[in-house]
């Protein structure tokens, strides 16, 4: 059995898929390839890969439909591939639970870097004995995040967050009472510099706010500070 991280690549371009399979395999990943959205959705649920690379435009079920189908069953990171330059398509993918996206034509080196960043955020927390040590637990009012188990709760109610949403919320909790700039969010969460245009982090924060509202949190606890960033506060 291989102990290499498993990546499910859902891509109907066989030439591109073969290139990415060969490149990522050389960098210690186990690659499983599916050509259709329907097959990809079934494979995600059945095998729970470490990460999913999902094309936006697929035969049968498209990438957005795949996200809708697997949202309740898969908690791992999802990176979308898209030839679309439309902000609406990118935002739609993020709204449905994708963590990041890479535009086509795909530079395998860029894809590798994004994959490593997503997986590194999951693996960065140390293993600790929860019964004897609360290391990794951060609180802000009734909000709690645990970087060891990667679980979060509001007033005891579990929050269901994507990989990126959890990491954004974790940073906001750790910096509670202080404004977290978009530059900080991109550098410390995504591992890339903010280009001044990308709206991805705004989408993730908006989804977090909606999920907090659903469990009884007031909207004004997570504030957008115009021209600056975001502020989480319970005072």
Protein backbone atom coordinates (compact mmCIF):
# COMPACT_ATOMS: atom_id res chain seq x y z
CA UNK A 1 0.00 0.00 0.00
CA UNK A 2 1.33 3.44 -0.91
CA UNK A 3 1.62 6.04 1.85
CA UNK A 4 1.76 8.86 -0.69
CA UNK A 5 -1.11 11.39 -0.62
CA UNK A 6 -3.86 10.43 -3.06
CA UNK A 7 -5.13 13.01 -5.52
CA UNK A 8 -8.29 12.44 -7.52
CA UNK A 9 -7.94 14.22 -10.87
CA UNK A 10 -11.29 14.77 -12.60
CA UNK A 11 -10.37 15.97 -16.08
CA UNK A 12 -11.71 15.04 -19.52
CA UNK A 13 -8.68 16.31 -21.47
CA UNK A 14 -6.68 13.09 -21.71
CA UNK A 15 -3.49 14.83 -22.86
CA UNK A 16 -3.55 17.27 -19.94
CA UNK A 17 -4.49 14.51 -17.51
CA UNK A 18 -1.56 12.36 -18.65
CA UNK A 19 0.83 15.31 -18.27
CA UNK A 20 -0.40 16.09 -14.75
CA UNK A 21 -0.41 12.44 -13.72
CA UNK A 22 3.20 12.03 -14.82
CA UNK A 23 4.35 15.28 -13.20
CA UNK A 24 2.56 14.86 -9.88
CA UNK A 25 3.54 11.19 -9.62
CA UNK A 26 7.19 12.26 -9.83
CA UNK A 27 6.55 14.49 -6.81
CA UNK A 28 5.32 11.68 -4.56
CA UNK A 29 1.57 11.77 -5.16
CA UNK A 30 -0.70 8.87 -6.00
CA UNK A 31 -2.95 9.99 -8.88
CA UNK A 32 -6.36 8.54 -9.70
CA UNK A 33 -7.95 9.82 -12.90
CA UNK A 34 -11.63 10.14 -13.77
CA UNK A 35 -12.83 11.61 -17.08
CA UNK A 36 -16.44 12.49 -16.19
CA UNK A 37 -18.10 14.48 -13.48
CA UNK A 38 -20.43 11.60 -12.63
CA UNK A 39 -17.51 9.21 -12.20
CA UNK A 40 -15.57 11.78 -10.21
CA UNK A 41 -18.44 12.39 -7.80
CA UNK A 42 -18.87 8.66 -7.20
CA UNK A 43 -15.13 8.19 -6.68
CA UNK A 44 -14.89 11.07 -4.18
CA UNK A 45 -17.63 9.62 -2.00
CA UNK A 46 -16.35 6.04 -2.28
CA UNK A 47 -12.63 6.65 -1.66
CA UNK A 48 -12.28 10.01 0.18
CA UNK A 49 -9.00 11.07 -1.51
CA UNK A 50 -6.60 13.43 0.24
CA UNK A 51 -7.33 16.14 -2.34
CA UNK A 52 -9.50 16.59 -5.43
CA UNK A 53 -8.41 18.43 -8.58
CA UNK A 54 -11.66 19.13 -10.42
CA UNK A 55 -12.15 20.56 -13.89
CA UNK A 56 -15.00 23.04 -14.26
CA UNK A 57 -16.20 21.91 -17.69
CA UNK A 58 -16.79 18.15 -17.83
CA UNK A 59 -19.01 15.83 -19.86
CA UNK A 60 -22.21 14.90 -18.09
CA UNK A 61 -22.13 16.44 -14.63
CA UNK A 62 -20.02 19.63 -14.71
CA UNK A 63 -17.64 20.71 -11.98
CA UNK A 64 -20.20 22.87 -10.17
CA UNK A 65 -22.67 19.98 -10.14
CA UNK A 66 -19.96 17.73 -8.71
CA UNK A 67 -19.40 20.22 -5.89
CA UNK A 68 -23.13 20.28 -5.14
CA UNK A 69 -23.24 16.48 -5.11
CA UNK A 70 -20.27 15.87 -2.79
CA UNK A 71 -20.65 18.84 -0.42
CA UNK A 72 -22.23 16.78 2.35
CA UNK A 73 -19.89 13.81 2.06
CA UNK A 74 -16.38 15.15 1.45
CA UNK A 75 -14.43 17.40 3.83
CA UNK A 76 -11.04 17.40 2.09
CA UNK A 77 -9.58 20.21 -0.04
CA UNK A 78 -10.84 20.79 -3.59
CA UNK A 79 -8.84 22.67 -6.21
CA UNK A 80 -10.66 23.61 -9.40
CA UNK A 81 -9.19 23.82 -12.89
CA UNK A 82 -10.91 26.21 -15.26
CA UNK A 83 -10.37 27.71 -18.69
CA UNK A 84 -12.95 30.35 -17.82
CA UNK A 85 -11.76 33.86 -17.08
CA UNK A 86 -15.15 34.76 -15.63
CA UNK A 87 -15.17 35.97 -12.04
CA UNK A 88 -18.72 34.60 -11.79
CA UNK A 89 -17.51 31.05 -12.51
CA UNK A 90 -14.66 31.35 -10.01
CA UNK A 91 -16.94 32.76 -7.31
CA UNK A 92 -19.57 30.08 -8.00
CA UNK A 93 -16.96 27.36 -7.44
CA UNK A 94 -15.79 28.92 -4.19
CA UNK A 95 -19.37 29.42 -3.02
CA UNK A 96 -20.05 25.73 -3.56
CA UNK A 97 -17.07 24.64 -1.48
CA UNK A 98 -13.94 24.73 -3.65
CA UNK A 99 -10.85 25.90 -1.76
CA UNK A 100 -8.80 27.29 -4.63
CA UNK A 101 -8.64 27.37 -8.42
CA UNK A 102 -5.97 27.34 -11.11
CA UNK A 103 -6.71 28.71 -14.57
CA UNK A 104 -5.84 26.95 -17.82
CA UNK A 105 -3.46 26.58 -19.53
CA UNK A 106 -2.15 24.85 -16.42
CA UNK A 107 1.47 25.30 -15.35
CA UNK A 108 2.19 22.01 -13.50
CA UNK A 109 4.59 23.85 -11.17
CA UNK A 110 1.86 26.27 -10.09
CA UNK A 111 -0.59 23.42 -9.61
CA UNK A 112 1.95 21.51 -7.50
CA UNK A 113 2.57 24.55 -5.31
CA UNK A 114 -1.16 25.09 -4.74
CA UNK A 115 -1.67 21.40 -3.92
CA UNK A 116 1.18 21.40 -1.44
CA UNK A 117 -0.17 24.55 0.22
CA UNK A 118 -3.62 23.03 0.68
CA UNK A 119 -2.27 19.77 2.07
CA UNK A 120 0.28 21.53 4.29
CA UNK A 121 -2.47 23.49 6.03
CA UNK A 122 -4.18 20.25 6.99
CA UNK A 123 -1.00 18.56 8.21
CA UNK A 124 0.65 21.49 9.99
CA UNK A 125 -0.96 20.94 13.41
CA UNK A 126 1.02 18.71 15.81
CA UNK A 127 -0.47 15.53 17.19
CA UNK A 128 -1.39 15.93 20.86
CA UNK A 129 -3.26 14.00 23.53
CA UNK A 130 -6.59 15.84 23.82
CA UNK A 131 -7.31 14.35 27.24
CA UNK A 132 -4.23 15.89 28.80
CA UNK A 133 -3.47 18.93 26.66
CA UNK A 134 -5.57 21.71 25.09
CA UNK A 135 -2.82 22.77 22.71
CA UNK A 136 -4.32 23.75 19.40
CA UNK A 137 -7.61 25.04 20.82
CA UNK A 138 -8.40 28.71 20.22
CA UNK A 139 -11.49 30.55 21.48
CA UNK A 140 -13.22 33.84 20.87
CA UNK A 141 -16.39 34.21 22.92
CA UNK A 142 -18.62 31.20 22.16
CA UNK A 143 -16.56 30.38 19.07
CA UNK A 144 -13.94 27.62 19.32
CA UNK A 145 -11.55 26.14 16.75
CA UNK A 146 -9.36 23.10 17.30
CA UNK A 147 -6.37 22.95 14.96
CA UNK A 148 -5.60 19.36 15.98
CA UNK A 149 -8.93 17.80 15.07
CA UNK A 150 -9.74 20.63 12.62
CA UNK A 151 -13.17 21.00 14.18
CA UNK A 152 -14.99 24.20 15.06
CA UNK A 153 -18.05 24.98 17.17
CA UNK A 154 -20.22 27.96 18.02
CA UNK A 155 -21.72 27.78 21.50
CA UNK A 156 -21.22 24.02 21.34
CA UNK A 157 -22.85 23.59 17.91
CA UNK A 158 -20.51 22.08 15.29
CA UNK A 159 -19.74 24.15 12.18
CA UNK A 160 -19.34 22.36 8.86
CA UNK A 161 -16.53 24.19 7.07
CA UNK A 162 -14.43 23.56 3.99
CA UNK A 163 -10.65 23.33 4.35
CA UNK A 164 -10.16 26.96 3.37
CA UNK A 165 -13.04 28.20 5.49
CA UNK A 166 -11.63 26.48 8.58
CA UNK A 167 -8.20 28.04 8.05
CA UNK A 168 -9.65 31.50 7.47
CA UNK A 169 -11.80 31.22 10.59
CA UNK A 170 -8.86 29.90 12.60
CA UNK A 171 -6.77 32.94 11.69
CA UNK A 172 -9.63 35.31 12.50
CA UNK A 173 -10.11 33.65 15.91
CA UNK A 174 -6.38 33.78 16.66
CA UNK A 175 -6.37 37.48 15.74
CA UNK A 176 -9.72 38.27 17.39
CA UNK A 177 -10.11 41.95 18.19
CA UNK A 178 -7.61 42.97 15.49
CA UNK A 179 -8.20 43.71 11.82
CA UNK A 180 -6.86 40.96 9.56
CA UNK A 181 -5.97 42.46 6.20
CA UNK A 182 -6.55 40.74 2.88
CA UNK A 183 -2.77 40.67 2.45
CA UNK A 184 -2.51 38.70 5.71
CA UNK A 185 -5.30 36.31 4.70
CA UNK A 186 -3.65 35.47 1.40
CA UNK A 187 -0.12 35.22 2.79
CA UNK A 188 -0.95 33.27 5.95
CA UNK A 189 -3.83 31.11 4.73
CA UNK A 190 -3.38 30.65 0.98
CA UNK A 191 0.41 31.01 1.01
CA UNK A 192 0.37 33.44 -1.93
CA UNK A 193 0.57 37.25 -2.16
CA UNK A 194 -2.67 39.18 -2.65
CA UNK A 195 -2.86 40.60 -6.17
CA UNK A 196 -5.34 43.31 -5.24
CA UNK A 197 -8.05 41.85 -7.48
CA UNK A 198 -8.89 38.31 -6.43
CA UNK A 199 -12.22 37.95 -4.62
CA UNK A 200 -11.71 34.43 -3.30
CA UNK A 201 -11.12 35.34 0.33
CA UNK A 202 -14.19 37.59 0.36
CA UNK A 203 -16.26 34.62 -0.77
CA UNK A 204 -14.83 32.37 1.94
CA UNK A 205 -15.52 34.98 4.65
CA UNK A 206 -19.05 35.47 3.33
CA UNK A 207 -19.69 31.72 3.56
CA UNK A 208 -18.28 31.63 7.10
CA UNK A 209 -20.57 34.48 8.12
CA UNK A 210 -23.62 32.67 6.72
CA UNK A 211 -22.70 29.47 8.55
CA UNK A 212 -22.22 31.36 11.80
CA UNK A 213 -25.57 33.10 11.31
CA UNK A 214 -27.23 29.72 10.84
CA UNK A 215 -26.17 28.66 14.35
CA UNK A 216 -27.23 31.89 16.04
CA UNK A 217 -24.24 34.22 15.66
CA UNK A 218 -24.96 37.88 14.95
CA UNK A 219 -23.62 39.20 11.64
CA UNK A 220 -21.82 42.11 13.31
CA UNK A 221 -19.44 39.73 15.10
CA UNK A 222 -17.54 39.23 11.84
CA UNK A 223 -17.16 42.64 10.25
CA UNK A 224 -15.79 43.77 6.92
CA UNK A 225 -13.64 46.85 7.52
CA UNK A 226 -13.78 48.90 4.34
CA UNK A 227 -10.39 49.26 2.70
CA UNK A 228 -8.69 47.21 5.42
CA UNK A 229 -9.90 43.64 5.91
CA UNK A 230 -11.93 41.72 8.48
CA UNK A 231 -12.49 41.90 12.21
CA UNK A 232 -13.85 39.17 14.48
CA UNK A 233 -14.96 40.40 17.90
CA UNK A 234 -17.35 39.37 20.67
CA UNK A 235 -17.01 42.48 22.87
